[in-house]
Every structure is written in C-alpha cells, then in structure tokens.
Amino acid sequence: RPFIHMSGFLAGRHRLEFVGSTSVVCLKTGVSAEIEFKSKGMLGRGE
C-alpha cells in the first residue's frame, strides 16, 4: 500500500492524499506492476 498523507492541520486547506509507491506481484505468471501515487505538494503545484 502507499502512504496516506493528511495536511492542513495548523494552516492551509485540509487535504488527504495517497502518496508514494505500491507494488503488485503475481509469482505464477511473473507479471508485476509498480505504481506511484503523486502528491499535490506543499505549494500545490503537483498532481
């Protein structure tokens, strides 16, 4: 699982996001996936 990031406790807008990487692995087929969850960031310039 990715991380959960909650911001805006003291200042700014409250926001909850999934952040970081996660992996999906199937040993039987050898097919895997790597997924990156993007953050809006402190300055609000991300996705």
PDB file of all heavy atoms in Angstrom:
ATOM      1  N   ARG A   1       0.825  -1.207   0.000  1.00  0.00           N
ATOM      2  CA  ARG A   1       0.000   0.000   0.000  1.00  0.00           C
ATOM      3  C   ARG A   1       0.862   1.261   0.000  1.00  0.00           C
ATOM      4  O   ARG A   1       1.969   1.257   0.558  1.00  0.00           O
ATOM      5  CB  ARG A   1      -0.901   0.024   1.239  1.00  0.00           C
ATOM      6  CG  ARG A   1      -1.834  -1.157   1.374  1.00  0.00           C
ATOM      7  CD  ARG A   1      -2.633  -1.016   2.661  1.00  0.00           C
ATOM      8  NE  ARG A   1      -3.564  -2.116   2.858  1.00  0.00           N
ATOM      9  CZ  ARG A   1      -3.264  -3.236   3.502  1.00  0.00           C
ATOM     10  NH1 ARG A   1      -2.058  -3.395   4.001  1.00  0.00           N
ATOM     11  NH2 ARG A   1      -4.165  -4.188   3.661  1.00  0.00           N
ATOM     12  N   PRO A   2       0.332   2.349  -0.556  1.00  0.00           N
ATOM     13  CA  PRO A   2       1.035   3.630  -0.455  1.00  0.00           C
ATOM     14  C   PRO A   2       0.814   4.242   0.928  1.00  0.00           C
ATOM     15  O   PRO A   2       0.085   3.687   1.751  1.00  0.00           O
ATOM     16  CB  PRO A   2       0.355   4.473  -1.544  1.00  0.00           C
ATOM     17  CG  PRO A   2      -1.047   3.935  -1.577  1.00  0.00           C
ATOM     18  CD  PRO A   2      -0.921   2.449  -1.325  1.00  0.00           C
ATOM     19  N   PHE A   3       1.451   5.371   1.188  1.00  0.00           N
ATOM     20  CA  PHE A   3       1.226   6.104   2.422  1.00  0.00           C
ATOM     21  C   PHE A   3      -0.072   6.913   2.306  1.00  0.00           C
ATOM     22  O   PHE A   3      -0.566   7.184   1.204  1.00  0.00           O
ATOM     23  CB  PHE A   3       2.364   7.092   2.682  1.00  0.00           C
ATOM     24  CG  PHE A   3       3.686   6.442   3.001  1.00  0.00           C
ATOM     25  CD1 PHE A   3       3.842   5.059   3.024  1.00  0.00           C
ATOM     26  CD2 PHE A   3       4.786   7.221   3.284  1.00  0.00           C
ATOM     27  CE1 PHE A   3       5.066   4.479   3.320  1.00  0.00           C
ATOM     28  CE2 PHE A   3       6.025   6.652   3.583  1.00  0.00           C
ATOM     29  CZ  PHE A   3       6.155   5.278   3.587  1.00  0.00           C
ATOM     30  N   ILE A   4      -0.602   7.324   3.446  1.00  0.00           N
ATOM     31  CA  ILE A   4      -1.687   8.316   3.487  1.00  0.00           C
ATOM     32  C   ILE A   4      -1.091   9.604   4.037  1.00  0.00           C
ATOM     33  O   ILE A   4      -0.429   9.594   5.079  1.00  0.00           O
ATOM     34  CB  ILE A   4      -2.858   7.852   4.368  1.00  0.00           C
ATOM     35  CG1 ILE A   4      -3.529   6.627   3.758  1.00  0.00           C
ATOM     36  CG2 ILE A   4      -3.874   8.973   4.535  1.00  0.00           C
ATOM     37  CD1 ILE A   4      -4.639   6.053   4.608  1.00  0.00           C
ATOM     38  N   HIS A   5      -1.306  10.690   3.341  1.00  0.00           N
ATOM     39  CA  HIS A   5      -0.766  11.984   3.763  1.00  0.00           C
ATOM     40  C   HIS A   5      -1.926  12.941   4.020  1.00  0.00           C
ATOM     41  O   HIS A   5      -2.735  13.197   3.138  1.00  0.00           O
ATOM     42  CB  HIS A   5       0.156  12.562   2.679  1.00  0.00           C
ATOM     43  CG  HIS A   5       0.827  13.832   3.093  1.00  0.00           C
ATOM     44  ND1 HIS A   5       1.952  13.853   3.893  1.00  0.00           N
ATOM     45  CD2 HIS A   5       0.522  15.130   2.842  1.00  0.00           C
ATOM     46  CE1 HIS A   5       2.315  15.099   4.101  1.00  0.00           C
ATOM     47  NE2 HIS A   5       1.467  15.898   3.475  1.00  0.00           N
ATOM     48  N   MET A   6      -2.007  13.450   5.256  1.00  0.00           N
ATOM     49  CA  MET A   6      -3.051  14.418   5.631  1.00  0.00           C
ATOM     50  C   MET A   6      -2.382  15.727   6.009  1.00  0.00           C
ATOM     51  O   MET A   6      -1.471  15.747   6.850  1.00  0.00           O
ATOM     52  CB  MET A   6      -3.869  13.879   6.806  1.00  0.00           C
ATOM     53  CG  MET A   6      -4.671  12.626   6.482  1.00  0.00           C
ATOM     54  SD  MET A   6      -5.374  11.822   7.943  1.00  0.00           S
ATOM     55  CE  MET A   6      -3.906  10.953   8.551  1.00  0.00           C
ATOM     56  N   SER A   7      -2.814  16.809   5.397  1.00  0.00           N
ATOM     57  CA  SER A   7      -2.182  18.099   5.627  1.00  0.00           C
ATOM     58  C   SER A   7      -3.228  19.157   5.967  1.00  0.00           C
ATOM     59  O   SER A   7      -4.434  18.945   5.831  1.00  0.00           O
ATOM     60  CB  SER A   7      -1.395  18.532   4.386  1.00  0.00           C
ATOM     61  OG  SER A   7      -2.249  18.611   3.252  1.00  0.00           O
ATOM     62  N   GLY A   8      -2.730  20.305   6.427  1.00  0.00           N
ATOM     63  CA  GLY A   8      -3.615  21.423   6.741  1.00  0.00           C
ATOM     64  C   GLY A   8      -4.134  21.429   8.161  1.00  0.00           C
ATOM     65  O   GLY A   8      -5.184  22.026   8.436  1.00  0.00           O
ATOM     66  N   PHE A   9      -3.420  20.816   9.084  1.00  0.00           N
ATOM     67  CA  PHE A   9      -3.885  20.785  10.474  1.00  0.00           C
ATOM     68  C   PHE A   9      -3.767  22.147  11.149  1.00  0.00           C
ATOM     69  O   PHE A   9      -4.619  22.527  11.955  1.00  0.00           O
ATOM     70  CB  PHE A   9      -3.099  19.744  11.275  1.00  0.00           C
ATOM     71  CG  PHE A   9      -3.463  18.336  10.937  1.00  0.00           C
ATOM     72  CD1 PHE A   9      -2.688  17.598  10.060  1.00  0.00           C
ATOM     73  CD2 PHE A   9      -4.593  17.745  11.464  1.00  0.00           C
ATOM     74  CE1 PHE A   9      -3.026  16.299   9.735  1.00  0.00           C
ATOM     75  CE2 PHE A   9      -4.937  16.446  11.136  1.00  0.00           C
ATOM     76  CZ  PHE A   9      -4.157  15.718  10.279  1.00  0.00           C
ATOM     77  N   LEU A  10      -2.692  22.864  10.866  1.00  0.00           N
ATOM     78  CA  LEU A  10      -2.469  24.160  11.500  1.00  0.00           C
ATOM     79  C   LEU A  10      -2.725  25.316  10.556  1.00  0.00           C
ATOM     80  O   LEU A  10      -3.165  26.387  10.990  1.00  0.00           O
ATOM     81  CB  LEU A  10      -1.025  24.233  12.028  1.00  0.00           C
ATOM     82  CG  LEU A  10      -0.627  23.153  13.037  1.00  0.00           C
ATOM     83  CD1 LEU A  10       0.839  23.305  13.421  1.00  0.00           C
ATOM     84  CD2 LEU A  10      -1.512  23.223  14.277  1.00  0.00           C
ATOM     85  N   ALA A  11      -2.449  25.118   9.292  1.00  0.00           N
ATOM     86  CA  ALA A  11      -2.620  26.188   8.311  1.00  0.00           C
ATOM     87  C   ALA A  11      -2.899  25.592   6.949  1.00  0.00           C
ATOM     88  O   ALA A  11      -2.500  24.461   6.662  1.00  0.00           O
ATOM     89  CB  ALA A  11      -1.366  27.063   8.267  1.00  0.00           C
ATOM     90  N   GLY A  12      -3.592  26.358   6.123  1.00  0.00           N
ATOM     91  CA  GLY A  12      -3.890  25.888   4.774  1.00  0.00           C
ATOM     92  C   GLY A  12      -5.128  25.015   4.726  1.00  0.00           C
ATOM     93  O   GLY A  12      -5.800  24.769   5.728  1.00  0.00           O
ATOM     94  N   ARG A  13      -5.383  24.510   3.552  1.00  0.00           N
ATOM     95  CA  ARG A  13      -6.573  23.702   3.315  1.00  0.00           C
ATOM     96  C   ARG A  13      -6.354  22.254   3.745  1.00  0.00           C
ATOM     97  O   ARG A  13      -5.296  21.690   3.501  1.00  0.00           O
ATOM     98  CB  ARG A  13      -6.918  23.744   1.819  1.00  0.00           C
ATOM     99  CG  ARG A  13      -8.194  23.021   1.458  1.00  0.00           C
ATOM    100  CD  ARG A  13      -8.487  23.174  -0.025  1.00  0.00           C
ATOM    101  NE  ARG A  13      -9.685  22.467  -0.406  1.00  0.00           N
ATOM    102  CZ  ARG A  13     -10.162  22.419  -1.657  1.00  0.00           C
ATOM    103  NH1 ARG A  13      -9.514  23.058  -2.613  1.00  0.00           N
ATOM    104  NH2 ARG A  13     -11.259  21.759  -1.926  1.00  0.00           N
ATOM    105  N   HIS A  14      -7.367  21.669   4.405  1.00  0.00           N
ATOM    106  CA  HIS A  14      -7.281  20.253   4.771  1.00  0.00           C
ATOM    107  C   HIS A  14      -7.294  19.395   3.506  1.00  0.00           C
ATOM    108  O   HIS A  14      -8.134  19.589   2.624  1.00  0.00           O
ATOM    109  CB  HIS A  14      -8.476  19.864   5.653  1.00  0.00           C
ATOM    110  CG  HIS A  14      -8.335  20.354   7.060  1.00  0.00           C
ATOM    111  ND1 HIS A  14      -8.964  19.769   8.122  1.00  0.00           N
ATOM    112  CD2 HIS A  14      -7.613  21.368   7.599  1.00  0.00           C
ATOM    113  CE1 HIS A  14      -8.669  20.399   9.237  1.00  0.00           C
ATOM    114  NE2 HIS A  14      -7.852  21.389   8.935  1.00  0.00           N
ATOM    115  N   ARG A  15      -6.378  18.447   3.450  1.00  0.00           N
ATOM    116  CA  ARG A  15      -6.309  17.593   2.270  1.00  0.00           C
ATOM    117  C   ARG A  15      -5.805  16.217   2.673  1.00  0.00           C
ATOM    118  O   ARG A  15      -4.938  16.079   3.520  1.00  0.00           O
ATOM    119  CB  ARG A  15      -5.377  18.212   1.225  1.00  0.00           C
ATOM    120  CG  ARG A  15      -5.394  17.490  -0.114  1.00  0.00           C
ATOM    121  CD  ARG A  15      -4.775  18.337  -1.203  1.00  0.00           C
ATOM    122  NE  ARG A  15      -3.370  18.632  -0.952  1.00  0.00           N
ATOM    123  CZ  ARG A  15      -2.847  19.843  -1.003  1.00  0.00           C
ATOM    124  NH1 ARG A  15      -3.619  20.891  -1.259  1.00  0.00           N
ATOM    125  NH2 ARG A  15      -1.557  20.043  -0.768  1.00  0.00           N
ATOM    126  N   LEU A  16      -6.382  15.192   2.084  1.00  0.00           N
ATOM    127  CA  LEU A  16      -5.953  13.814   2.308  1.00  0.00           C
ATOM    128  C   LEU A  16      -5.569  13.206   0.972  1.00  0.00           C
ATOM    129  O   LEU A  16      -6.344  13.265   0.017  1.00  0.00           O
ATOM    130  CB  LEU A  16      -7.061  13.003   2.978  1.00  0.00           C
ATOM    131  CG  LEU A  16      -6.699  11.572   3.419  1.00  0.00           C
ATOM    132  CD1 LEU A  16      -7.501  11.175   4.645  1.00  0.00           C
ATOM    133  CD2 LEU A  16      -6.955  10.568   2.300  1.00  0.00           C
ATOM    134  N   GLU A  17      -4.387  12.607   0.916  1.00  0.00           N
ATOM    135  CA  GLU A  17      -3.892  12.037  -0.339  1.00  0.00           C
ATOM    136  C   GLU A  17      -3.210  10.693  -0.096  1.00  0.00           C
ATOM    137  O   GLU A  17      -2.707  10.426   1.001  1.00  0.00           O
ATOM    138  CB  GLU A  17      -2.859  12.971  -0.974  1.00  0.00           C
ATOM    139  CG  GLU A  17      -3.339  14.361  -1.286  1.00  0.00           C
ATOM    140  CD  GLU A  17      -2.202  15.233  -1.762  1.00  0.00           C
ATOM    141  OE1 GLU A  17      -1.456  15.753  -0.928  1.00  0.00           O
ATOM    142  OE2 GLU A  17      -2.041  15.370  -2.989  1.00  0.00           O
ATOM    143  N   PHE A  18      -3.196   9.865  -1.138  1.00  0.00           N
ATOM    144  CA  PHE A  18      -2.325   8.698  -1.171  1.00  0.00           C
ATOM    145  C   PHE A  18      -1.004   9.140  -1.798  1.00  0.00           C
ATOM    146  O   PHE A  18      -0.994   9.798  -2.838  1.00  0.00           O
ATOM    147  CB  PHE A  18      -2.941   7.575  -2.001  1.00  0.00           C
ATOM    148  CG  PHE A  18      -4.154   6.956  -1.373  1.00  0.00           C
ATOM    149  CD1 PHE A  18      -5.411   7.155  -1.929  1.00  0.00           C
ATOM    150  CD2 PHE A  18      -4.047   6.195  -0.226  1.00  0.00           C
ATOM    151  CE1 PHE A  18      -6.534   6.595  -1.353  1.00  0.00           C
ATOM    152  CE2 PHE A  18      -5.169   5.628   0.362  1.00  0.00           C
ATOM    153  CZ  PHE A  18      -6.415   5.826  -0.207  1.00  0.00           C
ATOM    154  N   VAL A  19       0.097   8.774  -1.169  1.00  0.00           N
ATOM    155  CA  VAL A  19       1.411   9.219  -1.626  1.00  0.00           C
ATOM    156  C   VAL A  19       2.396   8.050  -1.585  1.00  0.00           C
ATOM    157  O   VAL A  19       2.322   7.205  -0.684  1.00  0.00           O
ATOM    158  CB  VAL A  19       1.952  10.364  -0.733  1.00  0.00           C
ATOM    159  CG1 VAL A  19       3.323  10.814  -1.210  1.00  0.00           C
ATOM    160  CG2 VAL A  19       0.990  11.542  -0.725  1.00  0.00           C
ATOM    161  N   GLY A  20       3.303   8.034  -2.543  1.00  0.00           N
ATOM    162  CA  GLY A  20       4.352   7.019  -2.530  1.00  0.00           C
ATOM    163  C   GLY A  20       4.076   5.889  -3.507  1.00  0.00           C
ATOM    164  O   GLY A  20       3.195   5.968  -4.358  1.00  0.00           O
ATOM    165  N   SER A  21       4.837   4.821  -3.367  1.00  0.00           N
ATOM    166  CA  SER A  21       4.770   3.729  -4.344  1.00  0.00           C
ATOM    167  C   SER A  21       4.094   2.499  -3.758  1.00  0.00           C
ATOM    168  O   SER A  21       4.058   2.292  -2.547  1.00  0.00           O
ATOM    169  CB  SER A  21       6.174   3.354  -4.821  1.00  0.00           C
ATOM    170  OG  SER A  21       6.970   2.936  -3.730  1.00  0.00           O
ATOM    171  N   THR A  22       3.555   1.686  -4.644  1.00  0.00           N
ATOM    172  CA  THR A  22       2.973   0.402  -4.278  1.00  0.00           C
ATOM    173  C   THR A  22       3.334  -0.606  -5.364  1.00  0.00           C
ATOM    174  O   THR A  22       3.635  -0.228  -6.504  1.00  0.00           O
ATOM    175  CB  THR A  22       1.437   0.499  -4.133  1.00  0.00           C
ATOM    176  OG1 THR A  22       0.910  -0.761  -3.707  1.00  0.00           O
ATOM    177  CG2 THR A  22       0.786   0.867  -5.456  1.00  0.00           C
ATOM    178  N   SER A  23       3.322  -1.876  -5.010  1.00  0.00           N
ATOM    179  CA  SER A  23       3.674  -2.918  -5.976  1.00  0.00           C
ATOM    180  C   SER A  23       2.602  -3.991  -6.012  1.00  0.00           C
ATOM    181  O   SER A  23       1.901  -4.225  -5.026  1.00  0.00           O
ATOM    182  CB  SER A  23       5.021  -3.552  -5.618  1.00  0.00           C
ATOM    183  OG  SER A  23       4.937  -4.224  -4.367  1.00  0.00           O
ATOM    184  N   VAL A  24       2.481  -4.617  -7.173  1.00  0.00           N
ATOM    185  CA  VAL A  24       1.574  -5.755  -7.358  1.00  0.00           C
ATOM    186  C   VAL A  24       2.394  -6.865  -8.007  1.00  0.00           C
ATOM    187  O   VAL A  24       2.993  -6.654  -9.056  1.00  0.00           O
ATOM    188  CB  VAL A  24       0.380  -5.394  -8.263  1.00  0.00           C
ATOM    189  CG1 VAL A  24      -0.581  -6.576  -8.364  1.00  0.00           C
ATOM    190  CG2 VAL A  24      -0.342  -4.151  -7.748  1.00  0.00           C
ATOM    191  N   VAL A  25       2.414  -8.039  -7.379  1.00  0.00           N
ATOM    192  CA  VAL A  25       3.255  -9.134  -7.865  1.00  0.00           C
ATOM    193  C   VAL A  25       2.427 -10.404  -7.997  1.00  0.00           C
ATOM    194  O   VAL A  25       1.683 -10.766  -7.093  1.00  0.00           O
ATOM    195  CB  VAL A  25       4.432  -9.395  -6.895  1.00  0.00           C
ATOM    196  CG1 VAL A  25       5.265 -10.574  -7.375  1.00  0.00           C
ATOM    197  CG2 VAL A  25       5.293  -8.150  -6.751  1.00  0.00           C
ATOM    198  N   CYS A  26       2.554 -11.085  -9.145  1.00  0.00           N
ATOM    199  CA  CYS A  26       1.948 -12.400  -9.348  1.00  0.00           C
ATOM    200  C   CYS A  26       3.083 -13.385  -9.637  1.00  0.00           C
ATOM    201  O   CYS A  26       3.672 -13.365 -10.723  1.00  0.00           O
ATOM    202  CB  CYS A  26       0.956 -12.385 -10.508  1.00  0.00           C
ATOM    203  SG  CYS A  26       0.185 -13.999 -10.815  1.00  0.00           S
ATOM    204  N   LEU A  27       3.395 -14.222  -8.658  1.00  0.00           N
ATOM    205  CA  LEU A  27       4.510 -15.154  -8.805  1.00  0.00           C
ATOM    206  C   LEU A  27       4.240 -16.206  -9.874  1.00  0.00           C
ATOM    207  O   LEU A  27       5.165 -16.670 -10.552  1.00  0.00           O
ATOM    208  CB  LEU A  27       4.799 -15.830  -7.467  1.00  0.00           C
ATOM    209  CG  LEU A  27       5.286 -14.912  -6.344  1.00  0.00           C
ATOM    210  CD1 LEU A  27       5.474 -15.707  -5.055  1.00  0.00           C
ATOM    211  CD2 LEU A  27       6.581 -14.217  -6.734  1.00  0.00           C
ATOM    212  N   LYS A  28       2.978 -16.585 -10.049  1.00  0.00           N
ATOM    213  CA  LYS A  28       2.647 -17.646 -11.004  1.00  0.00           C
ATOM    214  C   LYS A  28       2.898 -17.218 -12.443  1.00  0.00           C
ATOM    215  O   LYS A  28       3.414 -17.988 -13.259  1.00  0.00           O
ATOM    216  CB  LYS A  28       1.188 -18.078 -10.819  1.00  0.00           C
ATOM    217  CG  LYS A  28       0.749 -19.183 -11.783  1.00  0.00           C
ATOM    218  CD  LYS A  28      -0.605 -19.745 -11.411  1.00  0.00           C
ATOM    219  CE  LYS A  28      -0.503 -20.592 -10.157  1.00  0.00           C
ATOM    220  NZ  LYS A  28      -1.756 -21.341  -9.873  1.00  0.00           N
ATOM    221  N   THR A  29       2.530 -15.988 -12.790  1.00  0.00           N
ATOM    222  CA  THR A  29       2.673 -15.522 -14.171  1.00  0.00           C
ATOM    223  C   THR A  29       3.962 -14.741 -14.403  1.00  0.00           C
ATOM    224  O   THR A  29       4.381 -14.562 -15.551  1.00  0.00           O
ATOM    225  CB  THR A  29       1.486 -14.629 -14.565  1.00  0.00           C
ATOM    226  OG1 THR A  29       1.494 -13.450 -13.731  1.00  0.00           O
ATOM    227  CG2 THR A  29       0.174 -15.367 -14.382  1.00  0.00           C
ATOM    228  N   GLY A  30       4.567 -14.249 -13.308  1.00  0.00           N
ATOM    229  CA  GLY A  30       5.768 -13.442 -13.471  1.00  0.00           C
ATOM    230  C   GLY A  30       5.479 -12.022 -13.895  1.00  0.00           C
ATOM    231  O   GLY A  30       6.388 -11.253 -14.215  1.00  0.00           O
ATOM    232  N   VAL A  31       4.187 -11.634 -13.883  1.00  0.00           N
ATOM    233  CA  VAL A  31       3.808 -10.270 -14.247  1.00  0.00           C
ATOM    234  C   VAL A  31       3.686  -9.435 -12.975  1.00  0.00           C
ATOM    235  O   VAL A  31       3.067  -9.857 -11.992  1.00  0.00           O
ATOM    236  CB  VAL A  31       2.480 -10.254 -15.019  1.00  0.00           C
ATOM    237  CG1 VAL A  31       2.019  -8.824 -15.278  1.00  0.00           C
ATOM    238  CG2 VAL A  31       2.635 -10.994 -16.337  1.00  0.00           C
ATOM    239  N   SER A  32       4.276  -8.256 -12.994  1.00  0.00           N
ATOM    240  CA  SER A  32       4.249  -7.378 -11.833  1.00  0.00           C
ATOM    241  C   SER A  32       3.886  -5.964 -12.271  1.00  0.00           C
ATOM    242  O   SER A  32       3.872  -5.648 -13.463  1.00  0.00           O
ATOM    243  CB  SER A  32       5.613  -7.362 -11.130  1.00  0.00           C
ATOM    244  OG  SER A  32       5.961  -8.649 -10.674  1.00  0.00           O
ATOM    245  N   ALA A  33       3.592  -5.139 -11.281  1.00  0.00           N
ATOM    246  CA  ALA A  33       3.296  -3.735 -11.554  1.00  0.00           C
ATOM    247  C   ALA A  33       3.901  -2.881 -10.463  1.00  0.00           C
ATOM    248  O   ALA A  33       3.971  -3.287  -9.298  1.00  0.00           O
ATOM    249  CB  ALA A  33       1.788  -3.500 -11.633  1.00  0.00           C
ATOM    250  N   GLU A  34       4.353  -1.714 -10.839  1.00  0.00           N
ATOM    251  CA  GLU A  34       4.813  -0.712  -9.875  1.00  0.00           C
ATOM    252  C   GLU A  34       4.048   0.584 -10.155  1.00  0.00           C
ATOM    253  O   GLU A  34       3.956   1.025 -11.305  1.00  0.00           O
ATOM    254  CB  GLU A  34       6.322  -0.503  -9.959  1.00  0.00           C
ATOM    255  CG  GLU A  34       6.856  -0.223 -11.337  1.00  0.00           C
ATOM    256  CD  GLU A  34       8.370  -0.230 -11.406  1.00  0.00           C
ATOM    257  OE1 GLU A  34       9.003  -0.842 -10.527  1.00  0.00           O
ATOM    258  OE2 GLU A  34       8.919   0.374 -12.345  1.00  0.00           O
ATOM    259  N   ILE A  35       3.478   1.151  -9.103  1.00  0.00           N
ATOM    260  CA  ILE A  35       2.593   2.294  -9.252  1.00  0.00           C
ATOM    261  C   ILE A  35       3.015   3.388  -8.283  1.00  0.00           C
ATOM    262  O   ILE A  35       3.285   3.124  -7.112  1.00  0.00           O
ATOM    263  CB  ILE A  35       1.119   1.898  -8.982  1.00  0.00           C
ATOM    264  CG1 ILE A  35       0.692   0.804  -9.965  1.00  0.00           C
ATOM    265  CG2 ILE A  35       0.196   3.103  -9.083  1.00  0.00           C
ATOM    266  CD1 ILE A  35      -0.631   0.163  -9.611  1.00  0.00           C
ATOM    267  N   GLU A  36       3.084   4.611  -8.773  1.00  0.00           N
ATOM    268  CA  GLU A  36       3.468   5.757  -7.967  1.00  0.00           C
ATOM    269  C   GLU A  36       2.270   6.690  -7.805  1.00  0.00           C
ATOM    270  O   GLU A  36       1.656   7.111  -8.783  1.00  0.00           O
ATOM    271  CB  GLU A  36       4.619   6.510  -8.629  1.00  0.00           C
ATOM    272  CG  GLU A  36       5.196   7.628  -7.793  1.00  0.00           C
ATOM    273  CD  GLU A  36       6.075   7.121  -6.659  1.00  0.00           C
ATOM    274  OE1 GLU A  36       6.529   5.963  -6.742  1.00  0.00           O
ATOM    275  OE2 GLU A  36       6.296   7.878  -5.703  1.00  0.00           O
ATOM    276  N   PHE A  37       1.920   6.972  -6.551  1.00  0.00           N
ATOM    277  CA  PHE A  37       0.836   7.908  -6.242  1.00  0.00           C
ATOM    278  C   PHE A  37       1.444   9.294  -6.053  1.00  0.00           C
ATOM    279  O   PHE A  37       2.324   9.484  -5.218  1.00  0.00           O
ATOM    280  CB  PHE A  37       0.097   7.478  -4.975  1.00  0.00           C
ATOM    281  CG  PHE A  37      -0.750   6.251  -5.156  1.00  0.00           C
ATOM    282  CD1 PHE A  37      -0.171   4.994  -5.177  1.00  0.00           C
ATOM    283  CD2 PHE A  37      -2.123   6.349  -5.303  1.00  0.00           C
ATOM    284  CE1 PHE A  37      -0.943   3.856  -5.337  1.00  0.00           C
ATOM    285  CE2 PHE A  37      -2.907   5.220  -5.470  1.00  0.00           C
ATOM    286  CZ  PHE A  37      -2.315   3.968  -5.485  1.00  0.00           C
ATOM    287  N   LYS A  38       0.962  10.260  -6.821  1.00  0.00           N
ATOM    288  CA  LYS A  38       1.530  11.600  -6.815  1.00  0.00           C
ATOM    289  C   LYS A  38       0.827  12.498  -5.789  1.00  0.00           C
ATOM    290  O   LYS A  38      -0.355  12.339  -5.512  1.00  0.00           O
ATOM    291  CB  LYS A  38       1.409  12.231  -8.205  1.00  0.00           C
ATOM    292  CG  LYS A  38       2.106  11.441  -9.312  1.00  0.00           C
ATOM    293  CD  LYS A  38       3.614  11.395  -9.100  1.00  0.00           C
ATOM    294  CE  LYS A  38       4.319  10.677 -10.232  1.00  0.00           C
ATOM    295  NZ  LYS A  38       5.782  10.672 -10.068  1.00  0.00           N
ATOM    296  N   SER A  39       1.573  13.450  -5.259  1.00  0.00           N
ATOM    297  CA  SER A  39       1.045  14.380  -4.259  1.00  0.00           C
ATOM    298  C   SER A  39       0.895  15.772  -4.844  1.00  0.00           C
ATOM    299  O   SER A  39       1.649  16.174  -5.735  1.00  0.00           O
ATOM    300  CB  SER A  39       1.979  14.423  -3.047  1.00  0.00           C
ATOM    301  OG  SER A  39       1.634  15.466  -2.178  1.00  0.00           O
ATOM    302  N   LYS A  40      -0.075  16.511  -4.329  1.00  0.00           N
ATOM    303  CA  LYS A  40      -0.240  17.905  -4.723  1.00  0.00           C
ATOM    304  C   LYS A  40       0.928  18.745  -4.226  1.00  0.00           C
ATOM    305  O   LYS A  40       1.306  19.732  -4.831  1.00  0.00           O
ATOM    306  CB  LYS A  40      -1.561  18.451  -4.152  1.00  0.00           C
ATOM    307  CG  LYS A  40      -1.974  19.808  -4.690  1.00  0.00           C
ATOM    308  CD  LYS A  40      -2.467  19.719  -6.113  1.00  0.00           C
ATOM    309  CE  LYS A  40      -3.055  21.040  -6.585  1.00  0.00           C
ATOM    310  NZ  LYS A  40      -3.453  21.016  -8.002  1.00  0.00           N
ATOM    311  N   GLY A  41       1.506  18.334  -3.097  1.00  0.00           N
ATOM    312  CA  GLY A  41       2.676  19.020  -2.566  1.00  0.00           C
ATOM    313  C   GLY A  41       2.323  20.236  -1.730  1.00  0.00           C
ATOM    314  O   GLY A  41       1.202  20.733  -1.736  1.00  0.00           O
ATOM    315  N   MET A  42       3.313  20.733  -0.979  1.00  0.00           N
ATOM    316  CA  MET A  42       3.096  21.856  -0.073  1.00  0.00           C
ATOM    317  C   MET A  42       2.710  23.127  -0.801  1.00  0.00           C
ATOM    318  O   MET A  42       1.931  23.938  -0.301  1.00  0.00           O
ATOM    319  CB  MET A  42       4.367  22.093   0.747  1.00  0.00           C
ATOM    320  CG  MET A  42       4.708  20.959   1.704  1.00  0.00           C
ATOM    321  SD  MET A  42       6.193  21.307   2.652  1.00  0.00           S
ATOM    322  CE  MET A  42       5.680  22.793   3.532  1.00  0.00           C
ATOM    323  N   LEU A  43       3.240  23.308  -2.003  1.00  0.00           N
ATOM    324  CA  LEU A  43       2.963  24.528  -2.760  1.00  0.00           C
ATOM    325  C   LEU A  43       1.780  24.372  -3.712  1.00  0.00           C
ATOM    326  O   LEU A  43       1.426  25.306  -4.424  1.00  0.00           O
ATOM    327  CB  LEU A  43       4.203  24.954  -3.546  1.00  0.00           C
ATOM    328  CG  LEU A  43       5.450  25.240  -2.702  1.00  0.00           C
ATOM    329  CD1 LEU A  43       6.624  25.606  -3.600  1.00  0.00           C
ATOM    330  CD2 LEU A  43       5.178  26.367  -1.705  1.00  0.00           C
ATOM    331  N   GLY A  44       1.174  23.182  -3.724  1.00  0.00           N
ATOM    332  CA  GLY A  44       0.002  22.972  -4.559  1.00  0.00           C
ATOM    333  C   GLY A  44       0.284  22.897  -6.031  1.00  0.00           C
ATOM    334  O   GLY A  44      -0.589  23.139  -6.859  1.00  0.00           O
ATOM    335  N   ARG A  45       1.512  22.543  -6.403  1.00  0.00           N
ATOM    336  CA  ARG A  45       1.889  22.529  -7.814  1.00  0.00           C
ATOM    337  C   ARG A  45       1.892  21.127  -8.409  1.00  0.00           C
ATOM    338  O   ARG A  45       2.129  20.964  -9.592  1.00  0.00           O
ATOM    339  CB  ARG A  45       3.278  23.157  -7.978  1.00  0.00           C
ATOM    340  CG  ARG A  45       3.338  24.625  -7.575  1.00  0.00           C
ATOM    341  CD  ARG A  45       4.749  25.157  -7.654  1.00  0.00           C
ATOM    342  NE  ARG A  45       4.820  26.565  -7.280  1.00  0.00           N
ATOM    343  CZ  ARG A  45       5.940  27.250  -7.150  1.00  0.00           C
ATOM    344  NH1 ARG A  45       7.109  26.642  -7.368  1.00  0.00           N
ATOM    345  NH2 ARG A  45       5.914  28.520  -6.802  1.00  0.00           N
ATOM    346  N   GLY A  46       1.673  20.127  -7.590  1.00  0.00           N
ATOM    347  CA  GLY A  46       1.701  18.752  -8.083  1.00  0.00           C
ATOM    348  C   GLY A  46       0.377  18.331  -8.689  1.00  0.00           C
ATOM    349  O   GLY A  46      -0.488  19.147  -8.994  1.00  0.00           O
ATOM    350  N   GLU A  47       0.233  17.042  -8.815  1.00  0.00           N
ATOM    351  CA  GLU A  47      -0.952  16.468  -9.453  1.00  0.00           C
ATOM    352  C   GLU A  47      -1.805  15.783  -8.398  1.00  0.00           C
ATOM    353  O   GLU A  47      -1.409  14.766  -7.828  1.00  0.00           O
ATOM    354  CB  GLU A  47      -0.518  15.458 -10.521  1.00  0.00           C
ATOM    355  CG  GLU A  47      -1.673  14.864 -11.311  1.00  0.00           C
ATOM    356  CD  GLU A  47      -1.189  13.902 -12.373  1.00  0.00           C
ATOM    357  OE1 GLU A  47       0.032  13.630 -12.418  1.00  0.00           O
ATOM    358  OE2 GLU A  47      -2.018  13.413 -13.149  1.00  0.00           O
TER     359      GLU A  47
END
